[in-house]
Amino acid sequence: MAPSEYSEPELDNFISEKIMDKQGTLFYTSNITETWQVVEKMMRKYFCELKLDVFLGGVSGDLWVASFYNPMKCKRFEGRGKTAPLAICRAAREAFSSLMAQ
């Protein structure tokens, strides 16, 4: 599958290498099937819960808001995007970056 206009190749690379511990890049930011693998890993390994909202007619153009909540740290990490996969991946990057820095 080729990247879409809503994909972010740099973010795909980050997720593949840092979060998923894989060589090579999948299209996490544009393919919900691959994105869901990220959600499952965030839940299992980093004990995060996912909340996903959609706002029809959003002023900013970012219709989707995803957040990973880590109850052990009492912290929420948010990402926004034009698609659900993009929002989820942006939230995953924020959560991973913050949780690994502690």
N, C-alpha and C. Protein backbone atom coordinates (compact mmCIF):
# COMPACT_ATOMS: atom_id res chain seq x y z
N MET A 1 0.84 -1.18 0.00
CA MET A 1 0.00 0.00 0.00
C MET A 1 0.89 1.24 0.00
N ALA A 2 0.55 2.20 -0.81
CA ALA A 2 1.33 3.44 -0.91
C ALA A 2 0.86 4.44 0.13
N PRO A 3 1.72 5.37 0.51
CA PRO A 3 1.30 6.39 1.47
C PRO A 3 0.22 7.28 0.86
N SER A 4 -0.65 7.79 1.68
CA SER A 4 -1.71 8.69 1.22
C SER A 4 -1.30 10.13 1.46
N GLU A 5 -2.14 11.04 1.01
CA GLU A 5 -1.85 12.46 1.21
C GLU A 5 -1.88 12.84 2.70
N TYR A 6 -2.48 12.00 3.52
CA TYR A 6 -2.55 12.28 4.95
C TYR A 6 -1.49 11.55 5.75
N SER A 7 -0.57 10.90 5.10
CA SER A 7 0.46 10.17 5.83
C SER A 7 1.61 11.11 6.19
N GLU A 8 2.38 10.71 7.19
CA GLU A 8 3.58 11.44 7.61
C GLU A 8 4.73 10.43 7.66
N PRO A 9 5.53 10.36 6.61
CA PRO A 9 6.60 9.36 6.55
C PRO A 9 7.58 9.42 7.73
N GLU A 10 7.92 10.61 8.20
CA GLU A 10 8.84 10.71 9.34
C GLU A 10 8.21 10.11 10.59
N LEU A 11 6.93 10.33 10.78
CA LEU A 11 6.23 9.77 11.93
C LEU A 11 6.12 8.25 11.78
N ASP A 12 5.86 7.78 10.55
CA ASP A 12 5.84 6.33 10.30
C ASP A 12 7.18 5.70 10.71
N ASN A 13 8.28 6.34 10.33
CA ASN A 13 9.61 5.84 10.68
C ASN A 13 9.81 5.83 12.19
N PHE A 14 9.43 6.90 12.87
CA PHE A 14 9.57 6.99 14.33
C PHE A 14 8.81 5.84 15.00
N ILE A 15 7.56 5.66 14.60
CA ILE A 15 6.74 4.61 15.22
C ILE A 15 7.32 3.23 14.95
N SER A 16 7.74 3.01 13.73
CA SER A 16 8.29 1.71 13.37
C SER A 16 9.53 1.39 14.20
N GLU A 17 10.46 2.33 14.29
CA GLU A 17 11.72 2.09 14.99
C GLU A 17 11.59 2.15 16.51
N LYS A 18 10.94 3.18 17.02
CA LYS A 18 10.92 3.41 18.47
C LYS A 18 9.82 2.63 19.19
N ILE A 19 8.60 2.73 18.70
CA ILE A 19 7.48 2.12 19.42
C ILE A 19 7.33 0.64 19.08
N MET A 20 7.39 0.31 17.78
CA MET A 20 7.12 -1.05 17.35
C MET A 20 8.37 -1.93 17.31
N ASP A 21 9.56 -1.33 17.45
CA ASP A 21 10.82 -2.08 17.42
C ASP A 21 10.96 -2.93 16.16
N LYS A 22 10.64 -2.34 15.01
CA LYS A 22 10.71 -3.06 13.74
C LYS A 22 11.66 -2.37 12.79
N GLN A 23 12.24 -3.16 11.92
CA GLN A 23 13.04 -2.64 10.83
C GLN A 23 12.11 -2.43 9.64
N GLY A 24 12.35 -1.37 8.88
CA GLY A 24 11.47 -1.08 7.76
C GLY A 24 10.26 -0.30 8.24
N THR A 25 9.63 0.35 7.34
CA THR A 25 8.52 1.22 7.72
C THR A 25 7.20 0.73 7.14
N LEU A 26 6.19 0.72 7.98
CA LEU A 26 4.82 0.48 7.53
C LEU A 26 4.11 1.83 7.51
N PHE A 27 2.93 1.85 6.94
CA PHE A 27 2.18 3.10 6.82
C PHE A 27 1.21 3.25 8.00
N TYR A 28 1.77 3.43 9.18
CA TYR A 28 0.96 3.55 10.39
C TYR A 28 0.05 4.76 10.35
N THR A 29 0.51 5.86 9.76
CA THR A 29 -0.27 7.11 9.79
C THR A 29 -1.39 7.14 8.76
N SER A 30 -1.46 6.15 7.90
CA SER A 30 -2.51 6.17 6.88
C SER A 30 -3.29 4.87 6.74
N ASN A 31 -2.97 3.87 7.55
CA ASN A 31 -3.63 2.57 7.44
C ASN A 31 -4.11 2.15 8.83
N ILE A 32 -5.42 2.15 9.03
CA ILE A 32 -5.98 1.89 10.37
C ILE A 32 -5.63 0.49 10.87
N THR A 33 -5.45 -0.47 9.98
CA THR A 33 -5.06 -1.82 10.41
C THR A 33 -3.69 -1.79 11.07
N GLU A 34 -2.75 -1.11 10.44
CA GLU A 34 -1.41 -0.99 11.02
C GLU A 34 -1.43 -0.09 12.25
N THR A 35 -2.24 0.95 12.20
CA THR A 35 -2.36 1.85 13.35
C THR A 35 -2.85 1.10 14.58
N TRP A 36 -3.76 0.16 14.37
CA TRP A 36 -4.32 -0.56 15.52
C TRP A 36 -3.26 -1.43 16.20
N GLN A 37 -2.24 -1.85 15.46
CA GLN A 37 -1.12 -2.57 16.08
C GLN A 37 -0.40 -1.65 17.07
N VAL A 38 -0.31 -0.37 16.73
CA VAL A 38 0.31 0.61 17.62
C VAL A 38 -0.53 0.76 18.89
N VAL A 39 -1.85 0.84 18.71
CA VAL A 39 -2.75 0.96 19.87
C VAL A 39 -2.58 -0.23 20.80
N GLU A 40 -2.56 -1.43 20.23
CA GLU A 40 -2.41 -2.63 21.06
C GLU A 40 -1.08 -2.63 21.81
N LYS A 41 -0.02 -2.20 21.16
CA LYS A 41 1.29 -2.15 21.82
C LYS A 41 1.29 -1.10 22.93
N MET A 42 0.69 0.06 22.68
CA MET A 42 0.63 1.11 23.70
C MET A 42 -0.16 0.62 24.91
N MET A 43 -1.19 -0.16 24.67
CA MET A 43 -1.99 -0.69 25.77
C MET A 43 -1.21 -1.73 26.57
N ARG A 44 -0.58 -2.68 25.87
CA ARG A 44 0.13 -3.78 26.54
C ARG A 44 1.42 -3.34 27.21
N LYS A 45 2.26 -2.63 26.48
CA LYS A 45 3.60 -2.33 26.98
C LYS A 45 3.66 -1.07 27.85
N TYR A 46 2.85 -0.07 27.50
CA TYR A 46 2.93 1.21 28.21
C TYR A 46 1.70 1.50 29.06
N PHE A 47 0.79 0.53 29.15
CA PHE A 47 -0.38 0.60 30.01
C PHE A 47 -1.23 1.84 29.75
N CYS A 48 -1.41 2.17 28.48
CA CYS A 48 -2.18 3.35 28.09
C CYS A 48 -3.57 2.94 27.61
N GLU A 49 -4.52 3.83 27.86
CA GLU A 49 -5.88 3.66 27.37
C GLU A 49 -6.08 4.66 26.24
N LEU A 50 -6.83 4.29 25.21
CA LEU A 50 -7.07 5.16 24.07
C LEU A 50 -8.45 5.77 24.14
N LYS A 51 -8.53 7.07 23.86
CA LYS A 51 -9.80 7.76 23.67
C LYS A 51 -9.72 8.41 22.30
N LEU A 52 -10.76 8.21 21.49
CA LEU A 52 -10.77 8.74 20.13
C LEU A 52 -12.08 9.46 19.88
N ASP A 53 -11.99 10.72 19.46
CA ASP A 53 -13.17 11.54 19.19
C ASP A 53 -13.10 12.09 17.78
N VAL A 54 -14.25 12.31 17.19
CA VAL A 54 -14.32 12.96 15.88
C VAL A 54 -15.23 14.18 16.02
N PHE A 55 -14.82 15.28 15.40
CA PHE A 55 -15.56 16.53 15.44
C PHE A 55 -15.93 16.93 14.02
N LEU A 56 -17.16 16.70 13.64
CA LEU A 56 -17.59 17.06 12.30
C LEU A 56 -17.69 18.57 12.19
N GLY A 57 -17.16 19.11 11.12
CA GLY A 57 -17.18 20.57 10.94
C GLY A 57 -16.14 21.27 11.77
N GLY A 58 -15.05 20.59 12.11
CA GLY A 58 -13.99 21.20 12.91
C GLY A 58 -13.37 22.39 12.21
N VAL A 59 -13.19 23.47 12.91
CA VAL A 59 -12.67 24.71 12.34
C VAL A 59 -11.24 24.55 11.84
N SER A 60 -10.41 23.83 12.57
CA SER A 60 -8.99 23.71 12.23
C SER A 60 -8.74 22.73 11.08
N GLY A 61 -9.73 21.94 10.74
CA GLY A 61 -9.53 20.90 9.73
C GLY A 61 -9.07 19.58 10.33
N ASP A 62 -8.62 19.61 11.58
CA ASP A 62 -8.25 18.38 12.28
C ASP A 62 -9.51 17.81 12.92
N LEU A 63 -10.10 16.85 12.26
CA LEU A 63 -11.38 16.32 12.69
C LEU A 63 -11.27 15.31 13.81
N TRP A 64 -10.12 14.64 13.91
CA TRP A 64 -9.95 13.57 14.87
C TRP A 64 -9.03 14.01 16.01
N VAL A 65 -9.41 13.63 17.22
CA VAL A 65 -8.57 13.86 18.39
C VAL A 65 -8.41 12.51 19.10
N ALA A 66 -7.16 12.10 19.24
CA ALA A 66 -6.85 10.85 19.93
C ALA A 66 -6.03 11.18 21.17
N SER A 67 -6.26 10.44 22.23
CA SER A 67 -5.42 10.63 23.40
C SER A 67 -5.15 9.28 24.05
N PHE A 68 -3.91 9.14 24.48
CA PHE A 68 -3.52 7.98 25.28
C PHE A 68 -3.41 8.46 26.71
N TYR A 69 -4.07 7.75 27.60
CA TYR A 69 -4.03 8.09 29.02
C TYR A 69 -3.29 6.99 29.75
N ASN A 70 -2.31 7.39 30.55
CA ASN A 70 -1.55 6.45 31.36
C ASN A 70 -1.99 6.65 32.81
N PRO A 71 -2.81 5.74 33.37
CA PRO A 71 -3.31 5.92 34.74
C PRO A 71 -2.21 5.85 35.80
N MET A 72 -1.12 5.14 35.51
CA MET A 72 -0.05 5.04 36.50
C MET A 72 0.66 6.38 36.68
N LYS A 73 0.75 7.15 35.60
CA LYS A 73 1.40 8.46 35.64
C LYS A 73 0.39 9.59 35.74
N CYS A 74 -0.90 9.25 35.64
CA CYS A 74 -1.99 10.25 35.64
C CYS A 74 -1.72 11.32 34.58
N LYS A 75 -1.36 10.88 33.38
CA LYS A 75 -1.07 11.80 32.29
C LYS A 75 -1.81 11.39 31.03
N ARG A 76 -2.21 12.42 30.27
CA ARG A 76 -2.88 12.22 28.98
C ARG A 76 -2.02 12.84 27.89
N PHE A 77 -1.89 12.13 26.77
CA PHE A 77 -1.07 12.57 25.65
C PHE A 77 -1.95 12.63 24.42
N GLU A 78 -2.06 13.79 23.80
CA GLU A 78 -3.03 14.03 22.74
C GLU A 78 -2.39 14.24 21.38
N GLY A 79 -3.11 13.83 20.35
CA GLY A 79 -2.72 14.07 18.97
C GLY A 79 -3.96 14.40 18.16
N ARG A 80 -3.81 15.25 17.17
CA ARG A 80 -4.93 15.63 16.29
C ARG A 80 -4.55 15.36 14.86
N GLY A 81 -5.53 15.12 14.02
CA GLY A 81 -5.25 14.89 12.61
C GLY A 81 -6.50 14.87 11.76
N LYS A 82 -6.31 14.91 10.47
CA LYS A 82 -7.42 14.86 9.52
C LYS A 82 -8.01 13.45 9.42
N THR A 83 -7.25 12.45 9.87
CA THR A 83 -7.73 11.07 9.88
C THR A 83 -7.48 10.46 11.26
N ALA A 84 -8.23 9.40 11.57
CA ALA A 84 -8.03 8.71 12.84
C ALA A 84 -6.62 8.14 12.97
N PRO A 85 -6.07 7.46 11.93
CA PRO A 85 -4.72 6.92 12.07
C PRO A 85 -3.67 8.01 12.35
N LEU A 86 -3.81 9.14 11.69
CA LEU A 86 -2.84 10.22 11.90
C LEU A 86 -2.93 10.76 13.33
N ALA A 87 -4.14 10.97 13.82
CA ALA A 87 -4.31 11.46 15.20
C ALA A 87 -3.77 10.46 16.21
N ILE A 88 -4.06 9.18 16.02
CA ILE A 88 -3.59 8.14 16.93
C ILE A 88 -2.07 8.08 16.94
N CYS A 89 -1.46 8.14 15.77
CA CYS A 89 0.00 8.07 15.69
C CYS A 89 0.66 9.28 16.34
N ARG A 90 0.08 10.44 16.16
CA ARG A 90 0.64 11.65 16.81
C ARG A 90 0.52 11.54 18.32
N ALA A 91 -0.59 11.01 18.81
CA ALA A 91 -0.74 10.82 20.26
C ALA A 91 0.23 9.76 20.78
N ALA A 92 0.43 8.70 20.01
CA ALA A 92 1.36 7.64 20.42
C ALA A 92 2.78 8.20 20.53
N ARG A 93 3.18 9.04 19.58
CA ARG A 93 4.52 9.64 19.64
C ARG A 93 4.66 10.49 20.90
N GLU A 94 3.66 11.29 21.21
CA GLU A 94 3.71 12.13 22.42
C GLU A 94 3.80 11.28 23.68
N ALA A 95 2.98 10.24 23.74
CA ALA A 95 2.98 9.37 24.91
C ALA A 95 4.33 8.67 25.06
N PHE A 96 4.82 8.07 23.99
CA PHE A 96 6.08 7.35 24.04
C PHE A 96 7.22 8.29 24.44
N SER A 97 7.30 9.43 23.80
CA SER A 97 8.38 10.39 24.08
C SER A 97 8.37 10.82 25.53
N SER A 98 7.20 11.07 26.07
CA SER A 98 7.10 11.52 27.47
C SER A 98 7.36 10.38 28.45
N LEU A 99 6.78 9.23 28.20
CA LEU A 99 6.94 8.11 29.13
C LEU A 99 8.36 7.59 29.15
N MET A 100 9.05 7.61 28.03
CA MET A 100 10.43 7.13 27.98
C MET A 100 11.40 8.14 28.57
N ALA A 101 11.01 9.41 28.61
CA ALA A 101 11.89 10.45 29.15
C ALA A 101 11.92 10.41 30.68
N GLN A 102 10.94 9.77 31.29
CA GLN A 102 10.86 9.77 32.76
C GLN A 102 11.68 8.68 33.36
